[in-house]
Amino acid sequence: MSDTPREKPTHAPMDQFRSKDGELIIGNIPLRRLAARVGQTPFYAYDRELLTQRVAALRAALPASIKIHYAMKANPMPALVDHMARLVDGIDVASANELKVALDSGADPHEISFAGPGKRHEELRQAVAAGILINIESFREISELGAIRQATGWQVRVAVRVNPDFELKSSGMKMGGGPKQFGIDAEQVPQALAEIHGAGLSFEGFHLFAGSQNLRAEAIIEAQRKSYELALKLAEHAQTPVKFLNLGGGFGIPYFPGERRLDLTGIAANLAEIQADAKTRLPEAQIVIELGRYLVGEAGIYVCRVLDKKISRNHCFLVTDGGLHHHLSASGNFGQVIRKNYPVTIGDCMDQALSEPVSVVGPLCTPLDLLAEKMPLPECDRDNLVVIFQSGAYGASASPRGFLSHPDVVEILL
């Protein structure tokens, strides 16, 4: 897809998928044939080759010694996790159900970590039994893990998730700095380390995650540098050497006009400097970056079908069989302060001229069910297929799929 000189861009450039004879191609299959193969709309489709290419490009850009973990919350579809587990060095989970999927994928338990501010006792026990690394987020977790170790005699591997005293600037969602439900405040970490040692837990390192969805390399570099410096200070209070240092992620993907893909050059150089310094100051530490959306977001599309084309007071609405119940983030109700359109097209009319601005809505009885607002799209009619790009992350699993009891969405990996 490319914009002609007279067309004003409606979203960031989407060039990861090609089209032929007016149809989008995904997994080498034309869209209408793919819809027939799936057997229904709406559906999500993820391209495994794009997933493989993204991880390969990331490895080529970053220092070889930096480990890459997949943050499974971005997309926990089991087949996709199976594929990602073969590409990355580890998996980060946020629930016992995600842990099961990660273990079923064949991921090495030693390279699985578990984060989340409200881990239940049963989940902690499952994590200990599996031998994975638990990112401690409260003093309550230290106490409960100590009790589990005492009752079972099992080794309990832990890292401290630190709530830093800074934020990731320009991030779409801030997850560190100021009062937060995530992690233990940096100033309380020395006390936490003492309690971890007293409880007989096996301390391995620190997890710092300042924010997500950032396209400014300089902001990510600053956060990584500050995270590393904070880890050095906190390591002075640890009874054992740091073996694991998760510097988080925050790498964003482009959605909106004027946005471009993240330039990794400076980030890679910064990580190389951190790694070189850590060889002396944290000689046993393995440095990890944790990425979700960046690894999978651009490899997926959401497809729904136009059920009706109606005019209300001179404005055209395309009413589809998909909506916010399947794709909450595209509706703008998953973190957007000011609603913006995701990249949207008519996937089987890609050779048609753009129309006057139309709105794409779903079948739900709420004005929030809006997938594209006043957006120029290719001319189309009933039965044509609406495609939402950048849908590989925070799609089906992050949406209220039971809302109003409409049919569920299907996910496929090609």
Protein backbone atom coordinates (compact mmCIF):
# COMPACT_ATOMS: atom_id res chain seq x y z
CA MET A 1 0.00 0.00 0.00
CA SER A 2 1.27 3.44 -0.85
CA ASP A 3 -0.28 6.87 -0.92
CA THR A 4 -0.53 8.75 -4.20
CA PRO A 5 0.68 12.38 -4.08
CA ARG A 6 -2.88 13.69 -3.83
CA GLU A 7 -3.86 11.40 -0.95
CA LYS A 8 -3.36 12.47 2.62
CA PRO A 9 -2.00 9.57 4.68
CA THR A 10 -4.58 8.12 7.04
CA HIS A 11 -2.11 6.01 9.01
CA ALA A 12 1.53 4.97 9.18
CA PRO A 13 2.85 3.14 6.10
CA MET A 14 1.90 -0.56 6.07
CA ASP A 15 4.34 -2.35 3.77
CA GLN A 16 4.73 -5.69 5.52
CA PHE A 17 1.90 -7.23 3.47
CA ARG A 18 1.59 -7.18 -0.32
CA SER A 19 -1.51 -7.17 -2.47
CA LYS A 20 -2.33 -8.69 -5.86
CA ASP A 21 -5.31 -8.02 -8.11
CA GLY A 22 -6.85 -5.81 -5.45
CA GLU A 23 -6.60 -8.41 -2.66
CA LEU A 24 -4.38 -8.35 0.38
CA ILE A 25 -2.08 -11.39 0.60
CA ILE A 26 -1.25 -12.95 3.95
CA GLY A 27 0.70 -16.16 4.32
CA ASN A 28 0.75 -16.26 0.49
CA ILE A 29 -3.04 -16.63 0.44
CA PRO A 30 -5.43 -14.04 -1.09
CA LEU A 31 -7.73 -12.59 1.55
CA ARG A 32 -11.09 -13.84 0.25
CA ARG A 33 -9.75 -17.35 -0.15
CA LEU A 34 -8.31 -17.16 3.35
CA ALA A 35 -11.70 -16.09 4.71
CA ALA A 36 -13.27 -19.10 3.00
CA ARG A 37 -10.60 -21.36 4.50
CA VAL A 38 -11.24 -19.96 7.99
CA GLY A 39 -14.95 -20.51 7.48
CA GLN A 40 -16.16 -17.33 9.16
CA THR A 41 -15.54 -13.70 9.81
CA PRO A 42 -14.37 -12.04 11.97
CA PHE A 43 -10.93 -13.58 12.40
CA TYR A 44 -7.36 -12.73 13.30
CA ALA A 45 -4.58 -13.99 11.05
CA TYR A 46 -0.91 -13.99 12.05
CA ASP A 47 1.93 -14.47 9.55
CA ARG A 48 4.63 -16.73 11.00
CA GLU A 49 7.18 -15.59 8.40
CA LEU A 50 6.80 -11.98 9.56
CA LEU A 51 7.28 -13.14 13.16
CA THR A 52 10.46 -14.97 12.18
CA GLN A 53 11.75 -11.98 10.24
CA ARG A 54 11.15 -9.57 13.12
CA VAL A 55 13.11 -11.66 15.62
CA ALA A 56 15.91 -12.23 13.09
CA ALA A 57 16.15 -8.50 12.37
CA LEU A 58 16.25 -7.73 16.08
CA ARG A 59 19.02 -10.25 16.68
CA ALA A 60 21.00 -8.83 13.78
CA ALA A 61 20.72 -5.32 15.24
CA LEU A 62 21.40 -6.02 18.93
CA PRO A 63 24.56 -7.28 20.62
CA ALA A 64 24.67 -11.08 20.43
CA SER A 65 24.94 -11.44 24.20
CA ILE A 66 21.62 -9.67 24.89
CA LYS A 67 18.82 -12.15 25.48
CA ILE A 68 15.38 -11.58 23.97
CA HIS A 69 12.28 -12.58 25.93
CA TYR A 70 8.77 -12.63 24.51
CA ALA A 71 6.18 -10.96 26.77
CA MET A 72 3.38 -13.42 26.19
CA LYS A 73 0.61 -11.07 27.34
CA ALA A 74 0.89 -9.35 23.95
CA ASN A 75 -0.51 -12.46 22.25
CA PRO A 76 -0.95 -15.76 24.12
CA MET A 77 -2.39 -17.78 21.21
CA PRO A 78 -0.83 -21.24 21.83
CA ALA A 79 0.28 -21.86 18.24
CA LEU A 80 1.91 -18.45 18.09
CA VAL A 81 3.65 -18.99 21.44
CA ASP A 82 4.93 -22.35 20.17
CA HIS A 83 6.44 -20.56 17.18
CA MET A 84 7.91 -17.72 19.24
CA ALA A 85 9.44 -20.13 21.76
CA ARG A 86 11.67 -21.48 18.98
CA LEU A 87 12.86 -17.99 18.07
CA VAL A 88 13.45 -16.17 21.36
CA ASP A 89 15.54 -16.95 24.43
CA GLY A 90 12.74 -16.92 26.97
CA ILE A 91 9.09 -16.24 27.74
CA ASP A 92 7.64 -13.81 30.26
CA VAL A 93 4.21 -14.77 31.61
CA ALA A 94 1.66 -12.95 33.75
CA SER A 95 -0.63 -15.74 35.02
CA ALA A 96 -0.69 -19.44 35.74
CA ASN A 97 -2.65 -20.06 32.54
CA GLU A 98 0.02 -18.27 30.53
CA LEU A 99 2.63 -20.32 32.36
CA LYS A 100 0.91 -23.51 31.21
CA VAL A 101 0.97 -22.35 27.59
CA ALA A 102 4.65 -21.40 27.88
CA LEU A 103 5.57 -24.77 29.38
CA ASP A 104 3.50 -26.61 26.76
CA SER A 105 5.43 -24.74 24.05
CA GLY A 106 8.62 -26.42 25.18
CA ALA A 107 10.21 -23.25 26.51
CA ASP A 108 13.03 -23.89 28.97
CA PRO A 109 11.61 -23.30 32.50
CA HIS A 110 14.92 -21.70 33.47
CA GLU A 111 14.17 -18.99 30.88
CA ILE A 112 10.54 -18.36 31.89
CA SER A 113 9.76 -15.51 34.25
CA PHE A 114 6.48 -14.59 35.95
CA ALA A 115 5.43 -10.99 36.61
CA GLY A 116 2.20 -9.46 37.89
CA PRO A 117 1.12 -7.45 40.93
CA GLY A 118 -1.54 -9.87 42.18
CA LYS A 119 -0.15 -13.40 42.03
CA ARG A 120 -2.37 -15.81 43.95
CA HIS A 121 -0.85 -18.28 46.41
CA GLU A 122 -1.76 -21.15 44.10
CA GLU A 123 -0.02 -19.44 41.20
CA LEU A 124 3.11 -18.87 43.26
CA ARG A 125 3.16 -22.54 44.22
CA GLN A 126 2.74 -23.58 40.58
CA ALA A 127 5.58 -21.28 39.55
CA VAL A 128 7.89 -22.66 42.22
CA ALA A 129 7.04 -26.23 41.24
CA ALA A 130 7.81 -25.42 37.60
CA GLY A 131 11.22 -24.02 38.52
CA ILE A 132 10.70 -20.69 36.79
CA LEU A 133 11.91 -17.25 37.87
CA ILE A 134 9.34 -15.26 39.89
CA ASN A 135 9.49 -11.48 39.69
CA ILE A 136 8.56 -10.41 43.22
CA GLU A 137 6.25 -7.39 43.33
CA SER A 138 5.41 -7.08 47.03
CA PHE A 139 6.50 -8.03 50.53
CA ARG A 140 3.47 -10.32 50.73
CA GLU A 141 4.94 -12.41 47.91
CA ILE A 142 8.23 -12.76 49.78
CA SER A 143 6.38 -14.08 52.82
CA GLU A 144 4.25 -16.53 50.85
CA LEU A 145 7.20 -17.80 48.81
CA GLY A 146 9.14 -18.31 52.03
CA ALA A 147 6.29 -20.39 53.39
CA ILE A 148 6.16 -22.47 50.19
CA ARG A 149 9.90 -23.11 50.36
CA GLN A 150 9.66 -24.14 54.00
CA ALA A 151 6.74 -26.48 53.32
CA THR A 152 8.21 -28.14 50.23
CA GLY A 153 11.97 -27.77 50.40
CA TRP A 154 11.97 -26.67 46.76
CA GLN A 155 14.31 -24.01 45.47
CA VAL A 156 12.50 -20.69 44.92
CA ARG A 157 14.08 -18.58 42.17
CA VAL A 158 13.25 -14.89 42.44
CA ALA A 159 14.06 -11.49 41.01
CA VAL A 160 12.83 -8.17 42.37
CA ARG A 161 10.62 -6.15 40.10
CA VAL A 162 11.63 -2.58 40.83
CA ASN A 163 9.33 0.39 40.55
CA PRO A 164 11.95 2.97 39.52
CA ASP A 165 11.98 6.62 40.50
CA PHE A 166 11.72 7.69 36.84
CA GLU A 167 9.32 7.15 33.92
CA LEU A 168 9.84 6.15 30.30
CA LYS A 169 9.26 9.43 28.50
CA SER A 170 6.79 9.41 25.57
CA SER A 171 5.60 5.90 26.34
CA GLY A 172 2.05 4.90 25.44
CA MET A 173 1.57 3.29 28.84
CA LYS A 174 3.73 4.13 31.86
CA MET A 175 4.45 1.15 34.12
CA GLY A 176 7.09 2.62 36.40
CA GLY A 177 7.84 5.82 38.29
CA GLY A 178 5.64 7.51 40.87
CA PRO A 179 3.02 5.50 42.78
CA LYS A 180 2.41 2.25 40.88
CA GLN A 181 0.85 -1.12 41.60
CA PHE A 182 3.79 -2.72 39.79
CA GLY A 183 6.93 -3.81 41.58
CA ILE A 184 8.54 -2.65 44.79
CA ASP A 185 9.51 1.01 45.09
CA ALA A 186 13.25 1.43 44.53
CA GLU A 187 13.78 2.91 47.99
CA GLN A 188 12.20 -0.21 49.59
CA VAL A 189 14.27 -2.72 47.62
CA PRO A 190 17.11 -2.95 50.18
CA GLN A 191 14.60 -4.09 52.80
CA ALA A 192 13.06 -6.53 50.30
CA LEU A 193 16.49 -8.01 49.54
CA ALA A 194 17.13 -8.55 53.25
CA GLU A 195 13.77 -10.33 53.64
CA ILE A 196 14.40 -12.46 50.55
CA HIS A 197 17.71 -13.59 52.03
CA GLY A 198 16.10 -14.25 55.41
CA ALA A 199 13.37 -16.37 53.80
CA GLY A 200 15.94 -18.57 52.06
CA LEU A 201 14.84 -17.59 48.55
CA SER A 202 17.31 -17.77 45.67
CA PHE A 203 17.80 -14.18 44.55
CA GLU A 204 18.86 -13.86 40.91
CA GLY A 205 18.40 -10.25 39.91
CA PHE A 206 16.17 -7.35 38.97
CA HIS A 207 13.32 -6.62 36.59
CA LEU A 208 12.73 -2.99 35.56
CA PHE A 209 9.93 -2.11 33.14
CA ALA A 210 9.34 1.62 32.80
CA GLY A 211 6.73 1.74 30.01
CA SER A 212 5.56 0.54 26.62
CA GLN A 213 4.81 1.59 23.01
CA ASN A 214 7.62 4.10 22.52
CA LEU A 215 8.89 5.16 19.10
CA ARG A 216 11.54 7.56 20.42
CA ALA A 217 14.87 5.74 20.53
CA GLU A 218 16.41 8.41 22.74
CA ALA A 219 13.71 7.89 25.40
CA ILE A 220 14.28 4.13 25.40
CA ILE A 221 18.04 4.65 25.63
CA GLU A 222 17.60 6.98 28.61
CA ALA A 223 15.31 4.51 30.39
CA GLN A 224 17.70 1.60 29.79
CA ARG A 225 20.65 3.63 31.03
CA LYS A 226 18.82 4.79 34.16
CA SER A 227 17.55 1.25 34.80
CA TYR A 228 21.06 -0.13 34.60
CA GLU A 229 22.45 2.55 36.92
CA LEU A 230 19.66 1.88 39.42
CA ALA A 231 20.35 -1.86 39.26
CA LEU A 232 24.02 -1.20 40.06
CA LYS A 233 23.05 0.76 43.18
CA LEU A 234 20.54 -1.84 44.33
CA ALA A 235 22.97 -4.70 43.70
CA GLU A 236 25.14 -3.32 46.50
CA HIS A 237 22.42 -4.44 48.94
CA ALA A 238 22.13 -7.98 47.58
CA GLN A 239 23.64 -10.91 49.49
CA THR A 240 24.45 -12.78 46.26
CA PRO A 241 25.61 -11.69 42.79
CA VAL A 242 23.11 -10.49 40.20
CA LYS A 243 22.62 -13.18 37.55
CA PHE A 244 19.61 -11.72 35.74
CA LEU A 245 18.90 -8.14 34.72
CA ASN A 246 15.70 -7.50 32.76
CA LEU A 247 15.81 -3.96 31.38
CA GLY A 248 12.25 -4.18 30.07
CA GLY A 249 11.22 -3.20 26.59
CA GLY A 250 9.06 -0.31 25.52
CA PHE A 251 9.78 -0.71 21.80
CA GLY A 252 6.80 0.63 19.87
CA ILE A 253 5.32 0.01 16.43
CA PRO A 254 3.81 2.67 14.13
CA TYR A 255 0.05 3.14 13.90
CA PHE A 256 -0.75 6.73 13.05
CA PRO A 257 0.17 9.32 10.39
CA GLY A 258 3.74 10.54 10.66
CA GLU A 259 4.89 7.54 12.71
CA ARG A 260 7.77 5.41 11.46
CA ARG A 261 9.32 2.18 12.64
CA LEU A 262 11.72 2.43 15.55
CA ASP A 263 15.38 2.95 14.62
CA LEU A 264 17.36 0.39 16.63
CA THR A 265 20.82 1.77 15.85
CA GLY A 266 21.24 3.93 18.94
CA ILE A 267 19.46 1.43 21.18
CA ALA A 268 21.82 -1.33 20.08
CA ALA A 269 24.87 0.85 20.68
CA ASN A 270 23.62 1.76 24.15
CA LEU A 271 22.99 -1.87 25.05
CA ALA A 272 26.49 -2.75 23.86
CA GLU A 273 27.92 -0.11 26.20
CA ILE A 274 25.82 -1.40 29.09
CA GLN A 275 26.86 -4.97 28.38
CA ALA A 276 30.54 -4.02 28.24
CA ASP A 277 30.31 -2.16 31.56
CA ALA A 278 28.37 -5.01 33.16
CA LYS A 279 31.17 -7.46 32.42
CA THR A 280 33.15 -5.68 35.11
CA ARG A 281 30.48 -4.40 37.48
CA LEU A 282 27.89 -7.22 37.21
CA PRO A 283 30.08 -10.02 35.83
CA GLU A 284 27.56 -12.83 36.34
CA ALA A 285 24.53 -10.94 35.03
CA GLN A 286 22.69 -11.95 31.88
CA ILE A 287 21.02 -8.86 30.39
CA VAL A 288 17.52 -9.39 28.99
CA ILE A 289 15.12 -7.20 27.06
CA GLU A 290 11.43 -8.08 27.25
CA LEU A 291 9.31 -7.35 24.18
CA GLY A 292 5.73 -8.15 23.25
CA ARG A 293 3.99 -5.80 20.86
CA TYR A 294 7.23 -5.09 18.98
CA LEU A 295 7.72 -8.78 18.16
CA VAL A 296 4.19 -9.69 17.11
CA GLY A 297 2.10 -6.56 16.53
CA GLU A 298 2.91 -5.95 12.88
CA ALA A 299 2.51 -9.61 11.90
CA GLY A 300 -1.25 -9.75 12.49
CA ILE A 301 -4.44 -8.49 10.88
CA TYR A 302 -8.07 -8.47 12.02
CA VAL A 303 -10.66 -9.16 9.33
CA CYS A 304 -14.39 -8.52 9.48
CA ARG A 305 -17.15 -8.40 6.86
CA VAL A 306 -19.36 -5.49 5.82
CA LEU A 307 -22.96 -6.38 6.69
CA ASP A 308 -24.58 -3.09 5.79
CA LYS A 309 -23.76 0.22 4.17
CA LYS A 310 -25.98 2.98 5.43
CA ILE A 311 -26.17 6.76 5.18
CA SER A 312 -27.08 8.87 8.19
CA ARG A 313 -27.33 12.60 7.56
CA ASN A 314 -24.92 12.48 4.65
CA HIS A 315 -22.33 10.32 6.41
CA CYS A 316 -21.65 6.73 5.35
CA PHE A 317 -21.38 3.95 7.93
CA LEU A 318 -19.98 0.53 7.10
CA VAL A 319 -21.60 -1.83 9.60
CA THR A 320 -19.52 -4.98 10.11
CA ASP A 321 -19.74 -8.27 11.96
CA GLY A 322 -16.65 -7.31 14.01
CA GLY A 323 -16.12 -4.68 16.64
CA LEU A 324 -14.74 -3.68 20.00
CA HIS A 325 -15.75 -7.01 21.54
CA HIS A 326 -12.98 -8.58 19.43
CA HIS A 327 -10.59 -5.65 18.99
CA LEU A 328 -10.92 -3.27 21.90
CA SER A 329 -7.65 -1.47 21.17
CA ALA A 330 -8.67 -0.57 17.61
CA SER A 331 -11.84 1.01 18.99
CA GLY A 332 -9.70 3.34 21.08
CA ASN A 333 -10.90 1.91 24.39
CA PHE A 334 -7.64 0.24 25.42
CA GLY A 335 -5.48 3.11 26.60
CA GLN A 336 -5.96 5.86 24.01
CA VAL A 337 -6.52 9.26 25.60
CA ILE A 338 -7.58 10.82 22.30
CA ARG A 339 -9.03 8.30 19.87
CA LYS A 340 -7.05 7.75 16.66
CA ASN A 341 -7.76 5.36 13.81
CA TYR A 342 -5.68 2.22 13.53
CA PRO A 343 -4.43 1.48 10.00
CA VAL A 344 -7.55 0.21 8.21
CA THR A 345 -8.31 -0.78 4.61
CA ILE A 346 -10.80 -2.77 2.54
CA GLY A 347 -8.73 -5.87 2.00
CA ASP A 348 -10.45 -7.07 -1.17
CA CYS A 349 -10.80 -3.62 -2.80
CA MET A 350 -7.22 -2.44 -2.57
CA ASP A 351 -7.17 -1.36 -6.21
CA GLN A 352 -10.17 0.94 -5.74
CA ALA A 353 -9.94 4.70 -5.26
CA LEU A 354 -10.41 6.14 -1.82
CA SER A 355 -13.94 7.24 -1.00
CA GLU A 356 -15.18 10.21 0.93
CA PRO A 357 -14.54 9.62 4.65
CA VAL A 358 -16.62 6.79 6.09
CA SER A 359 -16.93 5.27 9.55
CA VAL A 360 -16.55 1.55 10.21
CA VAL A 361 -18.68 0.31 13.10
CA GLY A 362 -19.57 -3.02 14.62
CA PRO A 363 -22.88 -4.68 15.50
CA LEU A 364 -22.91 -3.75 19.19
CA CYS A 365 -25.50 -1.46 20.75
CA THR A 366 -23.01 1.16 21.90
CA PRO A 367 -21.49 4.21 20.19
CA LEU A 368 -18.10 3.00 21.44
CA ASP A 369 -18.20 0.21 18.84
CA LEU A 370 -16.15 2.19 16.33
CA LEU A 371 -13.30 0.69 14.30
CA ALA A 372 -12.60 3.63 11.97
CA GLU A 373 -13.94 7.15 12.27
CA LYS A 374 -14.39 9.42 9.24
CA MET A 375 -11.60 7.68 7.36
CA PRO A 376 -11.10 7.62 3.55
CA LEU A 377 -11.22 3.96 2.48
CA PRO A 378 -11.40 2.15 -0.86
CA GLU A 379 -14.87 2.07 -2.39
CA CYS A 380 -16.69 -1.02 -1.18
CA ASP A 381 -20.11 -2.53 -0.50
CA ARG A 382 -21.78 -5.30 1.47
CA ASP A 383 -19.73 -8.51 1.78
CA ASN A 384 -16.38 -6.78 1.32
CA LEU A 385 -13.69 -7.40 3.94
CA VAL A 386 -12.43 -4.75 6.31
CA VAL A 387 -8.83 -5.26 7.47
CA ILE A 388 -7.24 -3.69 10.53
CA PHE A 389 -3.44 -3.81 10.44
CA GLN A 390 -1.06 -3.84 13.44
CA SER A 391 -3.37 -6.37 15.09
CA GLY A 392 -0.92 -9.02 16.20
CA ALA A 393 -0.75 -7.71 19.77
CA TYR A 394 -3.41 -6.93 22.38
CA GLY A 395 -6.23 -8.06 20.13
CA ALA A 396 -8.46 -11.03 20.91
CA SER A 397 -7.14 -11.71 24.42
CA ALA A 398 -7.37 -8.03 25.41
CA SER A 399 -10.99 -7.61 24.32
CA PRO A 400 -14.38 -8.18 26.05
CA ARG A 401 -15.37 -11.08 23.80
CA GLY A 402 -18.46 -11.95 25.81
CA PHE A 403 -19.89 -8.42 25.61
CA LEU A 404 -23.47 -8.58 24.22
CA SER A 405 -22.99 -12.30 23.44
CA HIS A 406 -22.10 -12.00 19.76
CA PRO A 407 -20.19 -14.85 18.04
CA ASP A 408 -16.56 -15.20 19.07
CA VAL A 409 -13.57 -14.45 16.88
CA VAL A 410 -11.24 -17.08 15.39
CA GLU A 411 -7.42 -16.88 15.41
CA ILE A 412 -5.16 -18.56 12.89
CA LEU A 413 -1.40 -18.74 12.36
CA LEU A 414 -0.22 -19.03 8.76
